[in-house]
């Protein structure tokens, strides 16, 4: 069952509806085994006759949609690989499942703008799923098919599983884009919901962020180590005078800005919750420490000011950290002004 979405469900593979009983499922399995892999047919039969695994298949299908219309929708998708039927008039889970198929296919276009729109639409649909309504739709068909009713907590668990699966699908779709476009999509989505303190991120997007952060750490962690090593080198080289470290500081700024580009979506999400992104805050403290050391111990105010301004630019989405850095910058500028007035 490797086909995507509806076309990968046991209902479609065996050609049975959610209203058909065990006897018909067994018959369909035997019939399909003449033309399909018998082990696949057996697995489909088991999934549909076991009430617990059946629920997973029901949640992937089109709950609340009549059998004929459901198969018509799936057939139209199979006959036209670029066609996704209109989902606006369908029950919510059915609409969500069709939108998930749209996401899978948009991923093949490598269009980051369209992909961002599809992820946003899917995420909003996911937040609108109601376990009570879905339970009623599923149990209505189960009563006709003579299967025991599902329970609400089972449906709630399956909803979470569907959301996680769709978040993983979104991440795979992003993986087909160049890195700069991945960052653009994630930043765009973070800004849609994260700029208003009253907004909450849709669950699918929150799950996507968690997956993105795991992937991003493969870049962020070694880059952060390189930045920290360069900070140590700058401090060590400062004994040769301020002119000797300016090229290193320029290189440091390039690395930090590149690091921040990848971390930006994560910073925005933490910011929307009134928090500092921990990894970014840790790196910011390293840069701030270097700035303070250069200013206090080496009397290199110009370099310290460059670093502090870099911190205010890069870590603006870290409310607690940026407040301290703004105070540092104000103090450095005051001292620079006093020194200039004293020299006149």
C-alpha atoms as a PDB file:
ATOM      1  CA  UNK A   1       0.000   0.000   0.000  1.00  0.00           C
ATOM      2  CA  UNK A   2       2.522   2.555  -1.184  1.00  0.00           C
ATOM      3  CA  UNK A   3       0.186   4.635  -3.324  1.00  0.00           C
ATOM      4  CA  UNK A   4      -0.584   8.089  -2.066  1.00  0.00           C
ATOM      5  CA  UNK A   5      -3.616   9.123  -0.043  1.00  0.00           C
ATOM      6  CA  UNK A   6      -6.955   7.602  -0.955  1.00  0.00           C
ATOM      7  CA  UNK A   7      -5.385   5.353  -3.569  1.00  0.00           C
ATOM      8  CA  UNK A   8      -3.293   3.689  -0.876  1.00  0.00           C
ATOM      9  CA  UNK A   9      -6.162   2.765   1.423  1.00  0.00           C
ATOM     10  CA  UNK A  10      -7.418  -0.788   1.797  1.00  0.00           C
ATOM     11  CA  UNK A  11     -10.895   0.392   0.752  1.00  0.00           C
ATOM     12  CA  UNK A  12      -9.660   1.486  -2.665  1.00  0.00           C
ATOM     13  CA  UNK A  13      -7.317  -1.451  -3.213  1.00  0.00           C
ATOM     14  CA  UNK A  14     -10.034  -4.049  -2.494  1.00  0.00           C
ATOM     15  CA  UNK A  15     -12.801  -1.957  -4.040  1.00  0.00           C
ATOM     16  CA  UNK A  16     -15.078  -2.121  -1.000  1.00  0.00           C
ATOM     17  CA  UNK A  17     -16.946   0.684   0.694  1.00  0.00           C
ATOM     18  CA  UNK A  18     -17.090   1.575   4.364  1.00  0.00           C
ATOM     19  CA  UNK A  19     -20.606   0.115   4.472  1.00  0.00           C
ATOM     20  CA  UNK A  20     -19.756  -3.422   3.360  1.00  0.00           C
ATOM     21  CA  UNK A  21     -19.508  -6.241   5.885  1.00  0.00           C
ATOM     22  CA  UNK A  22     -16.831  -8.829   6.636  1.00  0.00           C
ATOM     23  CA  UNK A  23     -18.233 -11.345   4.186  1.00  0.00           C
ATOM     24  CA  UNK A  24     -18.011  -8.915   1.294  1.00  0.00           C
ATOM     25  CA  UNK A  25     -14.492  -7.861   2.352  1.00  0.00           C
ATOM     26  CA  UNK A  26     -13.345 -11.491   2.311  1.00  0.00           C
ATOM     27  CA  UNK A  27     -14.915 -12.028  -1.099  1.00  0.00           C
ATOM     28  CA  UNK A  28     -13.274  -8.884  -2.481  1.00  0.00           C
ATOM     29  CA  UNK A  29      -9.893  -9.957  -1.107  1.00  0.00           C
ATOM     30  CA  UNK A  30     -10.160 -13.334  -2.842  1.00  0.00           C
ATOM     31  CA  UNK A  31     -11.252 -11.697  -6.099  1.00  0.00           C
ATOM     32  CA  UNK A  32      -8.483  -9.100  -6.100  1.00  0.00           C
ATOM     33  CA  UNK A  33      -5.813 -11.698  -5.253  1.00  0.00           C
ATOM     34  CA  UNK A  34      -6.290 -13.103  -8.775  1.00  0.00           C
ATOM     35  CA  UNK A  35      -4.882  -9.893 -10.274  1.00  0.00           C
ATOM     36  CA  UNK A  36      -2.979  -8.280  -7.396  1.00  0.00           C
ATOM     37  CA  UNK A  37      -0.296  -9.487  -5.012  1.00  0.00           C
ATOM     38  CA  UNK A  38      -2.112 -11.927  -2.680  1.00  0.00           C
ATOM     39  CA  UNK A  39      -0.078 -10.745   0.332  1.00  0.00           C
ATOM     40  CA  UNK A  40      -1.237  -7.172  -0.282  1.00  0.00           C
ATOM     41  CA  UNK A  41      -4.834  -8.326  -0.534  1.00  0.00           C
ATOM     42  CA  UNK A  42      -4.500 -10.334   2.663  1.00  0.00           C
ATOM     43  CA  UNK A  43      -3.030  -7.327   4.492  1.00  0.00           C
ATOM     44  CA  UNK A  44      -5.889  -5.135   3.265  1.00  0.00           C
ATOM     45  CA  UNK A  45      -8.451  -7.695   4.394  1.00  0.00           C
ATOM     46  CA  UNK A  46      -6.917  -7.875   7.847  1.00  0.00           C
ATOM     47  CA  UNK A  47      -6.814  -4.112   8.189  1.00  0.00           C
ATOM     48  CA  UNK A  48     -10.479  -3.758   7.297  1.00  0.00           C
ATOM     49  CA  UNK A  49     -11.785  -6.630   9.408  1.00  0.00           C
ATOM     50  CA  UNK A  50      -9.858  -5.667  12.557  1.00  0.00           C
ATOM     51  CA  UNK A  51     -11.880  -2.821  14.148  1.00  0.00           C
ATOM     52  CA  UNK A  52      -8.763  -1.039  15.478  1.00  0.00           C
ATOM     53  CA  UNK A  53      -6.735  -1.045  12.257  1.00  0.00           C
ATOM     54  CA  UNK A  54      -9.911  -0.421  10.296  1.00  0.00           C
ATOM     55  CA  UNK A  55     -10.183   2.974  11.954  1.00  0.00           C
ATOM     56  CA  UNK A  56      -6.871   4.067  10.466  1.00  0.00           C
ATOM     57  CA  UNK A  57      -8.155   3.167   6.993  1.00  0.00           C
ATOM     58  CA  UNK A  58     -11.459   4.942   7.640  1.00  0.00           C
ATOM     59  CA  UNK A  59      -9.587   8.079   8.722  1.00  0.00           C
ATOM     60  CA  UNK A  60      -7.581   8.016   5.482  1.00  0.00           C
ATOM     61  CA  UNK A  61     -10.659   7.560   3.321  1.00  0.00           C
ATOM     62  CA  UNK A  62     -13.680   9.901   2.966  1.00  0.00           C
ATOM     63  CA  UNK A  63     -15.859   9.686   6.108  1.00  0.00           C
ATOM     64  CA  UNK A  64     -19.305  11.139   5.607  1.00  0.00           C
ATOM     65  CA  UNK A  65     -19.157  10.719   1.810  1.00  0.00           C
ATOM     66  CA  UNK A  66     -21.475   8.225   0.110  1.00  0.00           C
ATOM     67  CA  UNK A  67     -19.801   5.069  -1.277  1.00  0.00           C
ATOM     68  CA  UNK A  68     -20.503   5.959  -4.909  1.00  0.00           C
ATOM     69  CA  UNK A  69     -19.239   9.501  -4.604  1.00  0.00           C
ATOM     70  CA  UNK A  70     -16.188   8.326  -2.675  1.00  0.00           C
ATOM     71  CA  UNK A  71     -15.169   5.887  -5.390  1.00  0.00           C
ATOM     72  CA  UNK A  72     -15.924   8.459  -8.095  1.00  0.00           C
ATOM     73  CA  UNK A  73     -13.580  10.919  -6.382  1.00  0.00           C
ATOM     74  CA  UNK A  74     -10.807   8.333  -6.063  1.00  0.00           C
ATOM     75  CA  UNK A  75     -11.299   7.172  -9.666  1.00  0.00           C
ATOM     76  CA  UNK A  76     -11.020  10.726 -10.981  1.00  0.00           C
ATOM     77  CA  UNK A  77      -7.764  11.151  -9.078  1.00  0.00           C
ATOM     78  CA  UNK A  78      -6.400   7.902 -10.477  1.00  0.00           C
ATOM     79  CA  UNK A  79      -7.372   8.718 -14.076  1.00  0.00           C
ATOM     80  CA  UNK A  80      -5.905  12.231 -13.948  1.00  0.00           C
ATOM     81  CA  UNK A  81      -2.740  12.531 -11.914  1.00  0.00           C
ATOM     82  CA  UNK A  82      -2.999  16.337 -11.942  1.00  0.00           C
ATOM     83  CA  UNK A  83      -6.631  16.438 -10.820  1.00  0.00           C
ATOM     84  CA  UNK A  84      -7.759  16.977  -7.255  1.00  0.00           C
ATOM     85  CA  UNK A  85     -11.563  17.276  -6.942  1.00  0.00           C
ATOM     86  CA  UNK A  86     -13.111  20.302  -5.278  1.00  0.00           C
ATOM     87  CA  UNK A  87     -13.249  19.678  -1.533  1.00  0.00           C
ATOM     88  CA  UNK A  88     -15.243  22.693  -0.343  1.00  0.00           C
ATOM     89  CA  UNK A  89     -18.550  20.800  -0.132  1.00  0.00           C
ATOM     90  CA  UNK A  90     -17.133  17.690   1.531  1.00  0.00           C
ATOM     91  CA  UNK A  91     -17.128  16.793   5.237  1.00  0.00           C
ATOM     92  CA  UNK A  92     -14.103  18.182   7.039  1.00  0.00           C
ATOM     93  CA  UNK A  93     -11.934  15.063   7.271  1.00  0.00           C
ATOM     94  CA  UNK A  94     -12.673  14.147   3.671  1.00  0.00           C
ATOM     95  CA  UNK A  95     -11.683  17.672   2.605  1.00  0.00           C
ATOM     96  CA  UNK A  96      -8.522  17.415   4.711  1.00  0.00           C
ATOM     97  CA  UNK A  97      -7.561  14.103   3.100  1.00  0.00           C
ATOM     98  CA  UNK A  98      -8.032  15.512  -0.395  1.00  0.00           C
ATOM     99  CA  UNK A  99      -5.970  18.578   0.512  1.00  0.00           C
ATOM    100  CA  UNK A 100      -3.215  16.302   1.762  1.00  0.00           C
ATOM    101  CA  UNK A 101      -3.116  14.738  -1.700  1.00  0.00           C
ATOM    102  CA  UNK A 102      -2.894  18.206  -3.223  1.00  0.00           C
ATOM    103  CA  UNK A 103       0.128  18.901  -1.026  1.00  0.00           C
ATOM    104  CA  UNK A 104       1.849  15.725  -2.202  1.00  0.00           C
ATOM    105  CA  UNK A 105       1.378  16.669  -5.821  1.00  0.00           C
ATOM    106  CA  UNK A 106       2.258  20.328  -5.476  1.00  0.00           C
ATOM    107  CA  UNK A 107       5.577  19.148  -4.028  1.00  0.00           C
ATOM    108  CA  UNK A 108       6.445  17.795  -7.464  1.00  0.00           C
ATOM    109  CA  UNK A 109       6.161  21.274  -9.022  1.00  0.00           C
ATOM    110  CA  UNK A 110       8.999  22.685  -6.873  1.00  0.00           C
ATOM    111  CA  UNK A 111       7.025  25.939  -6.587  1.00  0.00           C
ATOM    112  CA  UNK A 112       7.761  27.266  -3.102  1.00  0.00           C
ATOM    113  CA  UNK A 113       5.015  29.922  -3.186  1.00  0.00           C
ATOM    114  CA  UNK A 114       2.349  27.400  -4.100  1.00  0.00           C
ATOM    115  CA  UNK A 115       3.730  24.950  -1.546  1.00  0.00           C
ATOM    116  CA  UNK A 116       3.478  27.549   1.223  1.00  0.00           C
ATOM    117  CA  UNK A 117      -0.175  28.162   0.307  1.00  0.00           C
ATOM    118  CA  UNK A 118      -0.970  24.452   0.342  1.00  0.00           C
ATOM    119  CA  UNK A 119       0.721  23.870   3.711  1.00  0.00           C
ATOM    120  CA  UNK A 120      -1.180  26.831   5.162  1.00  0.00           C
ATOM    121  CA  UNK A 121      -4.509  25.593   3.785  1.00  0.00           C
ATOM    122  CA  UNK A 122      -3.900  22.047   5.051  1.00  0.00           C
ATOM    123  CA  UNK A 123      -2.862  23.307   8.485  1.00  0.00           C
ATOM    124  CA  UNK A 124      -6.036  25.351   8.863  1.00  0.00           C
ATOM    125  CA  UNK A 125      -8.198  22.411   7.777  1.00  0.00           C
ATOM    126  CA  UNK A 126      -6.399  20.212  10.281  1.00  0.00           C
ATOM    127  CA  UNK A 127      -7.259  22.567  13.126  1.00  0.00           C
ATOM    128  CA  UNK A 128     -10.905  22.427  12.091  1.00  0.00           C
ATOM    129  CA  UNK A 129     -11.236  18.636  12.452  1.00  0.00           C
ATOM    130  CA  UNK A 130     -13.822  17.690  15.063  1.00  0.00           C
ATOM    131  CA  UNK A 131     -13.563  14.266  16.691  1.00  0.00           C
ATOM    132  CA  UNK A 132     -17.258  14.166  17.544  1.00  0.00           C
ATOM    133  CA  UNK A 133     -18.418  14.755  13.981  1.00  0.00           C
ATOM    134  CA  UNK A 134     -15.899  12.292  12.552  1.00  0.00           C
ATOM    135  CA  UNK A 135     -16.896   9.672  15.109  1.00  0.00           C
ATOM    136  CA  UNK A 136     -20.535  10.030  14.114  1.00  0.00           C
ATOM    137  CA  UNK A 137     -19.737   9.704  10.396  1.00  0.00           C
ATOM    138  CA  UNK A 138     -17.594   6.615  10.932  1.00  0.00           C
ATOM    139  CA  UNK A 139     -20.023   4.885  13.282  1.00  0.00           C
ATOM    140  CA  UNK A 140     -22.973   5.458  10.946  1.00  0.00           C
ATOM    141  CA  UNK A 141     -21.176   3.419   8.275  1.00  0.00           C
ATOM    142  CA  UNK A 142     -19.966   0.859  10.833  1.00  0.00           C
ATOM    143  CA  UNK A 143     -23.514   0.200  11.965  1.00  0.00           C
ATOM    144  CA  UNK A 144     -24.495  -0.627   8.363  1.00  0.00           C
ATOM    145  CA  UNK A 145     -21.384  -2.792   7.893  1.00  0.00           C
ATOM    146  CA  UNK A 146     -21.998  -4.511  11.250  1.00  0.00           C
ATOM    147  CA  UNK A 147     -18.710  -3.505  12.867  1.00  0.00           C
ATOM    148  CA  UNK A 148     -18.482  -2.414  16.506  1.00  0.00           C
ATOM    149  CA  UNK A 149     -18.524   1.364  16.963  1.00  0.00           C
ATOM    150  CA  UNK A 150     -15.315   3.311  17.384  1.00  0.00           C
ATOM    151  CA  UNK A 151     -14.709   5.379  20.516  1.00  0.00           C
ATOM    152  CA  UNK A 152     -14.052   9.081  20.657  1.00  0.00           C
ATOM    153  CA  UNK A 153     -10.589   8.724  22.213  1.00  0.00           C
ATOM    154  CA  UNK A 154      -9.600   6.395  19.365  1.00  0.00           C
ATOM    155  CA  UNK A 155     -10.666   8.992  16.818  1.00  0.00           C
ATOM    156  CA  UNK A 156      -8.758  11.706  18.687  1.00  0.00           C
ATOM    157  CA  UNK A 157      -5.605   9.550  18.576  1.00  0.00           C
ATOM    158  CA  UNK A 158      -6.092   8.956  14.863  1.00  0.00           C
ATOM    159  CA  UNK A 159      -6.539  12.681  14.215  1.00  0.00           C
ATOM    160  CA  UNK A 160      -3.187  13.350  15.845  1.00  0.00           C
ATOM    161  CA  UNK A 161      -1.625  10.595  13.759  1.00  0.00           C
ATOM    162  CA  UNK A 162      -3.056  12.090  10.559  1.00  0.00           C
ATOM    163  CA  UNK A 163      -1.759  15.538  11.474  1.00  0.00           C
ATOM    164  CA  UNK A 164       1.719  14.149  12.186  1.00  0.00           C
ATOM    165  CA  UNK A 165       1.710  12.251   8.925  1.00  0.00           C
ATOM    166  CA  UNK A 166       0.731  15.358   6.992  1.00  0.00           C
ATOM    167  CA  UNK A 167       3.436  17.394   8.752  1.00  0.00           C
ATOM    168  CA  UNK A 168       5.950  14.749   7.648  1.00  0.00           C
ATOM    169  CA  UNK A 169       4.559  14.960   4.109  1.00  0.00           C
ATOM    170  CA  UNK A 170       5.029  18.730   4.194  1.00  0.00           C
ATOM    171  CA  UNK A 171       8.625  18.327   5.359  1.00  0.00           C
ATOM    172  CA  UNK A 172       9.339  15.867   2.539  1.00  0.00           C
ATOM    173  CA  UNK A 173       7.812  18.338   0.107  1.00  0.00           C
ATOM    174  CA  UNK A 174      10.066  21.082   1.461  1.00  0.00           C
ATOM    175  CA  UNK A 175      13.033  18.750   1.061  1.00  0.00           C
ATOM    176  CA  UNK A 176      12.616  18.943  -2.697  1.00  0.00           C
ATOM    177  CA  UNK A 177      13.290  22.695  -2.687  1.00  0.00           C
ATOM    178  CA  UNK A 178      16.622  24.522  -2.587  1.00  0.00           C
ATOM    179  CA  UNK A 179      17.574  25.496   0.961  1.00  0.00           C
ATOM    180  CA  UNK A 180      16.870  29.250   0.489  1.00  0.00           C
ATOM    181  CA  UNK A 181      13.334  28.438  -0.651  1.00  0.00           C
ATOM    182  CA  UNK A 182      12.750  26.063   2.270  1.00  0.00           C
ATOM    183  CA  UNK A 183      13.638  28.909   4.607  1.00  0.00           C
ATOM    184  CA  UNK A 184      11.357  31.300   2.711  1.00  0.00           C
ATOM    185  CA  UNK A 185       8.415  28.921   3.085  1.00  0.00           C
ATOM    186  CA  UNK A 186       8.996  28.318   6.785  1.00  0.00           C
ATOM    187  CA  UNK A 187       9.522  32.022   7.499  1.00  0.00           C
ATOM    188  CA  UNK A 188       6.403  32.943   5.523  1.00  0.00           C
ATOM    189  CA  UNK A 189       4.302  30.437   7.444  1.00  0.00           C
ATOM    190  CA  UNK A 190       5.751  31.523  10.797  1.00  0.00           C
ATOM    191  CA  UNK A 191       4.952  35.156  10.030  1.00  0.00           C
ATOM    192  CA  UNK A 192       1.361  34.341   9.045  1.00  0.00           C
ATOM    193  CA  UNK A 193       0.468  33.166  12.531  1.00  0.00           C
ATOM    194  CA  UNK A 194       3.284  34.402  14.749  1.00  0.00           C
ATOM    195  CA  UNK A 195       3.050  38.186  14.395  1.00  0.00           C
ATOM    196  CA  UNK A 196      -0.147  38.473  16.448  1.00  0.00           C
ATOM    197  CA  UNK A 197       0.230  37.466  20.085  1.00  0.00           C
ATOM    198  CA  UNK A 198      -3.404  36.292  20.086  1.00  0.00           C
ATOM    199  CA  UNK A 199      -2.811  33.842  17.252  1.00  0.00           C
ATOM    200  CA  UNK A 200      -1.852  30.235  17.811  1.00  0.00           C
ATOM    201  CA  UNK A 201       0.006  28.102  15.338  1.00  0.00           C
ATOM    202  CA  UNK A 202      -2.090  25.376  13.688  1.00  0.00           C
ATOM    203  CA  UNK A 203      -1.182  21.922  14.967  1.00  0.00           C
ATOM    204  CA  UNK A 204       0.131  20.695  11.610  1.00  0.00           C
ATOM    205  CA  UNK A 205       2.477  23.665  11.407  1.00  0.00           C
ATOM    206  CA  UNK A 206       3.646  23.210  15.001  1.00  0.00           C
ATOM    207  CA  UNK A 207       4.478  19.594  14.177  1.00  0.00           C
ATOM    208  CA  UNK A 208       6.220  20.713  10.981  1.00  0.00           C
ATOM    209  CA  UNK A 209       8.311  23.159  12.988  1.00  0.00           C
ATOM    210  CA  UNK A 210       9.457  20.385  15.323  1.00  0.00           C
ATOM    211  CA  UNK A 211      10.512  18.290  12.338  1.00  0.00           C
ATOM    212  CA  UNK A 212      12.166  21.305  10.687  1.00  0.00           C
ATOM    213  CA  UNK A 213      14.179  22.051  13.806  1.00  0.00           C
ATOM    214  CA  UNK A 214      15.530  18.496  13.898  1.00  0.00           C
ATOM    215  CA  UNK A 215      16.641  18.857  10.278  1.00  0.00           C
ATOM    216  CA  UNK A 216      17.931  22.396  10.798  1.00  0.00           C
ATOM    217  CA  UNK A 217      20.154  21.321  13.680  1.00  0.00           C
ATOM    218  CA  UNK A 218      22.312  19.454  11.179  1.00  0.00           C
ATOM    219  CA  UNK A 219      23.299  22.903   9.887  1.00  0.00           C
ATOM    220  CA  UNK A 220      22.870  25.058  12.976  1.00  0.00           C
ATOM    221  CA  UNK A 221      24.962  23.034  15.415  1.00  0.00           C
ATOM    222  CA  UNK A 222      28.217  22.804  13.400  1.00  0.00           C
ATOM    223  CA  UNK A 223      27.805  26.413  12.251  1.00  0.00           C
ATOM    224  CA  UNK A 224      27.354  27.554  15.843  1.00  0.00           C
ATOM    225  CA  UNK A 225      30.537  25.703  16.802  1.00  0.00           C
ATOM    226  CA  UNK A 226      32.398  27.403  13.942  1.00  0.00           C
ATOM    227  CA  UNK A 227      31.113  30.787  15.119  1.00  0.00           C
ATOM    228  CA  UNK A 228      32.177  30.110  18.711  1.00  0.00           C
ATOM    229  CA  UNK A 229      35.644  29.037  17.547  1.00  0.00           C
ATOM    230  CA  UNK A 230      35.954  32.215  15.497  1.00  0.00           C
ATOM    231  CA  UNK A 231      34.970  34.274  18.550  1.00  0.00           C
ATOM    232  CA  UNK A 232      37.819  32.664  20.494  1.00  0.00           C
ATOM    233  CA  UNK A 233      40.193  33.402  17.616  1.00  0.00           C
ATOM    234  CA  UNK A 234      39.121  37.048  17.533  1.00  0.00           C
ATOM    235  CA  UNK A 235      39.716  37.480  21.243  1.00  0.00           C
ATOM    236  CA  UNK A 236      43.116  35.844  20.951  1.00  0.00           C
ATOM    237  CA  UNK A 237      44.084  37.922  17.915  1.00  0.00           C
ATOM    238  CA  UNK A 238      43.029  41.140  19.623  1.00  0.00           C
ATOM    239  CA  UNK A 239      46.407  41.265  21.388  1.00  0.00           C
ATOM    240  CA  UNK A 240      47.859  42.389  18.037  1.00  0.00           C
ATOM    241  CA  UNK A 241      45.590  45.442  17.927  1.00  0.00           C
ATOM    242  CA  UNK A 242      42.113  46.301  16.733  1.00  0.00           C
ATOM    243  CA  UNK A 243      43.075  46.538  13.070  1.00  0.00           C
ATOM    244  CA  UNK A 244      44.078  42.877  13.097  1.00  0.00           C
ATOM    245  CA  UNK A 245      40.640  41.628  14.133  1.00  0.00           C
ATOM    246  CA  UNK A 246      38.412  43.709  11.852  1.00  0.00           C
ATOM    247  CA  UNK A 247      38.633  41.208   8.929  1.00  0.00           C
ATOM    248  CA  UNK A 248      37.796  38.407  11.368  1.00  0.00           C
ATOM    249  CA  UNK A 249      34.802  40.325  12.676  1.00  0.00           C
ATOM    250  CA  UNK A 250      33.603  40.809   9.105  1.00  0.00           C
ATOM    251  CA  UNK A 251      33.887  37.063   8.543  1.00  0.00           C
ATOM    252  CA  UNK A 252      32.052  36.477  11.828  1.00  0.00           C
ATOM    253  CA  UNK A 253      29.181  38.719  10.745  1.00  0.00           C
ATOM    254  CA  UNK A 254      28.814  36.728   7.514  1.00  0.00           C
ATOM    255  CA  UNK A 255      28.634  33.432   9.387  1.00  0.00           C
ATOM    256  CA  UNK A 256      26.169  34.772  11.950  1.00  0.00           C
ATOM    257  CA  UNK A 257      23.829  36.191   9.309  1.00  0.00           C
ATOM    258  CA  UNK A 258      23.896  32.894   7.409  1.00  0.00           C
ATOM    259  CA  UNK A 259      23.167  31.007  10.629  1.00  0.00           C
ATOM    260  CA  UNK A 260      20.332  33.367  11.459  1.00  0.00           C
ATOM    261  CA  UNK A 261      18.672  32.843   8.076  1.00  0.00           C
ATOM    262  CA  UNK A 262      18.087  29.176   8.878  1.00  0.00           C
ATOM    263  CA  UNK A 263      17.127  29.862  12.509  1.00  0.00           C
ATOM    264  CA  UNK A 264      14.745  32.732  11.659  1.00  0.00           C
ATOM    265  CA  UNK A 265      11.522  30.661  11.492  1.00  0.00           C
ATOM    266  CA  UNK A 266      12.347  29.069  14.842  1.00  0.00           C
ATOM    267  CA  UNK A 267      13.024  32.479  16.387  1.00  0.00           C
ATOM    268  CA  UNK A 268       9.695  33.824  15.113  1.00  0.00           C
ATOM    269  CA  UNK A 269       7.803  30.901  16.596  1.00  0.00           C
ATOM    270  CA  UNK A 270       9.486  31.263  19.980  1.00  0.00           C
ATOM    271  CA  UNK A 271       8.904  35.037  19.812  1.00  0.00           C
ATOM    272  CA  UNK A 272       5.173  34.498  19.241  1.00  0.00           C
ATOM    273  CA  UNK A 273       5.137  32.621  22.569  1.00  0.00           C
ATOM    274  CA  UNK A 274       7.013  35.413  24.347  1.00  0.00           C
ATOM    275  CA  UNK A 275      10.166  33.299  24.605  1.00  0.00           C
ATOM    276  CA  UNK A 276      13.733  33.385  23.364  1.00  0.00           C
ATOM    277  CA  UNK A 277      14.693  30.590  20.990  1.00  0.00           C
ATOM    278  CA  UNK A 278      17.186  28.693  23.208  1.00  0.00           C
ATOM    279  CA  UNK A 279      19.815  27.877  20.573  1.00  0.00           C
ATOM    280  CA  UNK A 280      19.764  31.421  19.196  1.00  0.00           C
ATOM    281  CA  UNK A 281      19.959  32.892  22.681  1.00  0.00           C
ATOM    282  CA  UNK A 282      22.996  30.718  23.433  1.00  0.00           C
ATOM    283  CA  UNK A 283      24.792  31.940  20.340  1.00  0.00           C
ATOM    284  CA  UNK A 284      23.785  35.503  21.113  1.00  0.00           C
ATOM    285  CA  UNK A 285      25.325  35.242  24.570  1.00  0.00           C
ATOM    286  CA  UNK A 286      28.589  34.108  22.994  1.00  0.00           C
ATOM    287  CA  UNK A 287      28.652  37.156  20.707  1.00  0.00           C
ATOM    288  CA  UNK A 288      27.631  39.496  23.500  1.00  0.00           C
ATOM    289  CA  UNK A 289      30.390  38.057  25.697  1.00  0.00           C
ATOM    290  CA  UNK A 290      32.957  38.743  22.998  1.00  0.00           C
ATOM    291  CA  UNK A 291      31.683  42.294  22.617  1.00  0.00           C
ATOM    292  CA  UNK A 292      31.930  42.930  26.360  1.00  0.00           C
ATOM    293  CA  UNK A 293      35.441  41.447  26.539  1.00  0.00           C
ATOM    294  CA  UNK A 294      36.640  43.594  23.644  1.00  0.00           C
ATOM    295  CA  UNK A 295      35.086  46.697  25.177  1.00  0.00           C
ATOM    296  CA  UNK A 296      36.025  46.228  28.825  1.00  0.00           C
ATOM    297  CA  UNK A 297      39.310  44.321  28.671  1.00  0.00           C
ATOM    298  CA  UNK A 298      40.772  45.427  25.334  1.00  0.00           C
ATOM    299  CA  UNK A 299      39.291  48.942  25.103  1.00  0.00           C
ATOM    300  CA  UNK A 300      38.225  48.228  21.521  1.00  0.00           C
ATOM    301  CA  UNK A 301      34.973  50.174  21.458  1.00  0.00           C
ATOM    302  CA  UNK A 302      34.616  50.215  17.677  1.00  0.00           C
ATOM    303  CA  UNK A 303      34.754  46.430  17.380  1.00  0.00           C
ATOM    304  CA  UNK A 304      32.456  46.043  20.374  1.00  0.00           C
ATOM    305  CA  UNK A 305      29.945  48.385  18.785  1.00  0.00           C
ATOM    306  CA  UNK A 306      30.030  46.443  15.489  1.00  0.00           C
ATOM    307  CA  UNK A 307      29.316  43.198  17.334  1.00  0.00           C
ATOM    308  CA  UNK A 308      26.568  44.700  19.458  1.00  0.00           C
ATOM    309  CA  UNK A 309      24.858  46.198  16.417  1.00  0.00           C
ATOM    310  CA  UNK A 310      25.107  42.783  14.758  1.00  0.00           C
ATOM    311  CA  UNK A 311      23.352  41.232  17.749  1.00  0.00           C
ATOM    312  CA  UNK A 312      20.526  43.787  17.653  1.00  0.00           C
ATOM    313  CA  UNK A 313      20.058  43.103  13.942  1.00  0.00           C
ATOM    314  CA  UNK A 314      20.219  39.316  14.032  1.00  0.00           C
ATOM    315  CA  UNK A 315      18.497  38.565  17.331  1.00  0.00           C
ATOM    316  CA  UNK A 316      15.642  41.075  17.193  1.00  0.00           C
ATOM    317  CA  UNK A 317      13.160  38.206  17.681  1.00  0.00           C
ATOM    318  CA  UNK A 318      14.667  37.326  21.072  1.00  0.00           C
ATOM    319  CA  UNK A 319      12.804  39.702  23.415  1.00  0.00           C
ATOM    320  CA  UNK A 320      14.812  39.168  26.615  1.00  0.00           C
ATOM    321  CA  UNK A 321      18.196  39.016  24.914  1.00  0.00           C
ATOM    322  CA  UNK A 322      17.595  41.927  22.556  1.00  0.00           C
ATOM    323  CA  UNK A 323      16.606  44.153  25.481  1.00  0.00           C
ATOM    324  CA  UNK A 324      19.965  43.542  27.173  1.00  0.00           C
ATOM    325  CA  UNK A 325      21.854  44.100  23.925  1.00  0.00           C
ATOM    326  CA  UNK A 326      20.049  47.401  23.324  1.00  0.00           C
ATOM    327  CA  UNK A 327      21.224  48.513  26.752  1.00  0.00           C
ATOM    328  CA  UNK A 328      24.790  47.461  25.859  1.00  0.00           C
ATOM    329  CA  UNK A 329      24.640  49.395  22.606  1.00  0.00           C
ATOM    330  CA  UNK A 330      23.334  52.520  24.319  1.00  0.00           C
ATOM    331  CA  UNK A 331      26.134  52.328  26.903  1.00  0.00           C
ATOM    332  CA  UNK A 332      28.828  51.859  24.245  1.00  0.00           C
ATOM    333  CA  UNK A 333      27.533  54.791  22.235  1.00  0.00           C
ATOM    334  CA  UNK A 334      27.400  56.995  25.343  1.00  0.00           C
ATOM    335  CA  UNK A 335      31.006  56.142  26.167  1.00  0.00           C
ATOM    336  CA  UNK A 336      32.079  56.778  22.573  1.00  0.00           C
ATOM    337  CA  UNK A 337      30.350  60.174  22.643  1.00  0.00           C
ATOM    338  CA  UNK A 338      31.996  61.063  25.966  1.00  0.00           C
ATOM    339  CA  UNK A 339      35.430  60.057  24.647  1.00  0.00           C
ATOM    340  CA  UNK A 340      34.957  62.156  21.539  1.00  0.00           C
ATOM    341  CA  UNK A 341      33.895  65.193  23.601  1.00  0.00           C
ATOM    342  CA  UNK A 342      36.837  64.675  25.945  1.00  0.00           C
ATOM    343  CA  UNK A 343      39.286  64.622  23.058  1.00  0.00           C
ATOM    344  CA  UNK A 344      38.085  67.965  21.733  1.00  0.00           C
END
